Structures are given as C-alpha cells and as structure tokens.
Amino acid sequence: MDFIKKASEGMKGNSSSGSSSNTAGQQDDYVDKAFGFATKKSGHNMDRSVQEKITDAGREAYEKATGKTVNPKISN
C-alpha cells in the first residue's frame, strides 16, 4: 500500500514540475508570447532568456518614456 501512495505522490510531483517550462518560474505574459511567436515565425532561433531580456528592456523603455506603468497582465 505504501508503494502505491509513493508512486501516486511521485506522479503528482512530476506533473506539476514538468508543466513549468518558463525560466525563473515566471509566467509568459502577452508580450513574451507575441515576441516568441514572431521570432519563430521569422525563422530565428532565440534563447528564451534572451527573449525575456529584450521584452523587459522594451517595457522599461516604454515606462521611462511615458511615465506610465504597464499592466502586469500584459507585461511583467
């Protein structure tokens, strides 16, 4: 009986940790998804961390230029 409990706990742990494909535990926001789609569509293979840095720099530049913060749902 303990074997079954351990197996089911192991399966639960694997499924929840396996579904997180984002770097640093962050969720993809709309800007990250759009940028990733555009790079794939244009035929470029870009690392996920590089994409994140580019979108973060764009968000920071927008906030600095306008003085407004971006909604975290759109870009975090």
Protein backbone atom coordinates (compact mmCIF):
# COMPACT_ATOMS: atom_id res chain seq x y z
CA MET A 1 0.00 0.00 0.00
CA ASP A 2 2.87 2.40 0.75
CA PHE A 3 4.27 1.69 -2.70
CA ILE A 4 1.05 2.91 -4.32
CA LYS A 5 0.99 6.08 -2.21
CA LYS A 6 4.61 6.87 -3.06
CA ALA A 7 4.00 6.23 -6.75
CA SER A 8 0.96 8.49 -6.82
CA GLU A 9 2.83 11.25 -4.95
CA GLY A 10 5.72 10.92 -7.38
CA MET A 11 3.38 11.25 -10.34
CA LYS A 12 1.77 14.35 -8.86
CA GLY A 13 5.17 15.91 -8.25
CA ASN A 14 6.36 15.17 -11.77
CA SER A 15 3.27 16.52 -13.47
CA SER A 16 3.32 19.83 -11.61
CA SER A 17 7.05 20.41 -12.01
CA GLY A 18 7.09 19.23 -15.62
CA SER A 19 4.45 21.75 -16.70
CA SER A 20 6.64 24.71 -15.75
CA SER A 21 8.71 25.42 -18.85
CA ASN A 22 9.30 29.09 -18.05
CA THR A 23 12.61 30.45 -16.89
CA ALA A 24 12.93 31.64 -13.30
CA GLY A 25 9.40 30.46 -12.53
CA GLN A 26 7.80 33.35 -14.37
CA GLN A 27 4.65 33.00 -16.40
CA ASP A 28 4.57 34.11 -20.00
CA ASP A 29 2.74 37.37 -20.45
CA TYR A 30 1.18 38.55 -23.70
CA VAL A 31 4.26 40.46 -24.86
CA ASP A 32 6.54 37.46 -24.26
CA LYS A 33 4.18 35.16 -26.16
CA ALA A 34 3.87 37.59 -29.08
CA PHE A 35 7.62 38.13 -29.28
CA GLY A 36 8.29 34.39 -29.14
CA PHE A 37 5.76 33.76 -31.89
CA ALA A 38 7.27 36.49 -34.08
CA THR A 39 10.83 35.17 -33.70
CA LYS A 40 9.75 31.62 -34.55
CA LYS A 41 7.68 32.81 -37.49
CA SER A 42 10.61 34.81 -38.87
CA GLY A 43 12.84 31.74 -38.69
CA HIS A 44 15.11 32.88 -35.86
CA ASN A 45 16.08 30.56 -33.06
CA MET A 46 16.44 32.72 -29.98
CA ASP A 47 17.01 31.51 -26.44
CA ARG A 48 14.12 32.08 -24.02
CA SER A 49 16.30 34.11 -21.64
CA VAL A 50 17.36 36.44 -24.46
CA GLN A 51 13.72 36.94 -25.45
CA GLU A 52 12.87 37.79 -21.85
CA LYS A 53 15.68 40.35 -21.65
CA ILE A 54 14.54 42.02 -24.88
CA THR A 55 10.90 42.28 -23.83
CA ASP A 56 11.89 43.54 -20.37
CA ALA A 57 14.10 46.23 -21.92
CA GLY A 58 11.25 47.29 -24.19
CA ARG A 59 8.85 47.51 -21.25
CA GLU A 60 11.33 49.56 -19.23
CA ALA A 61 11.94 51.90 -22.17
CA TYR A 62 8.20 52.42 -22.60
CA GLU A 63 7.71 53.13 -18.90
CA LYS A 64 10.62 55.56 -18.87
CA ALA A 65 9.40 57.42 -21.96
CA THR A 66 5.74 57.68 -20.96
CA GLY A 67 5.94 57.68 -17.17
CA LYS A 68 3.15 55.09 -17.05
CA THR A 69 3.46 51.57 -15.73
CA VAL A 70 2.46 48.64 -17.90
CA ASN A 71 -0.29 46.35 -16.67
CA PRO A 72 1.35 43.17 -15.30
CA LYS A 73 -1.16 41.09 -17.28
CA ILE A 74 0.29 42.50 -20.49
CA SER A 75 3.96 42.59 -19.49
CA ASN A 76 5.54 41.78 -16.15
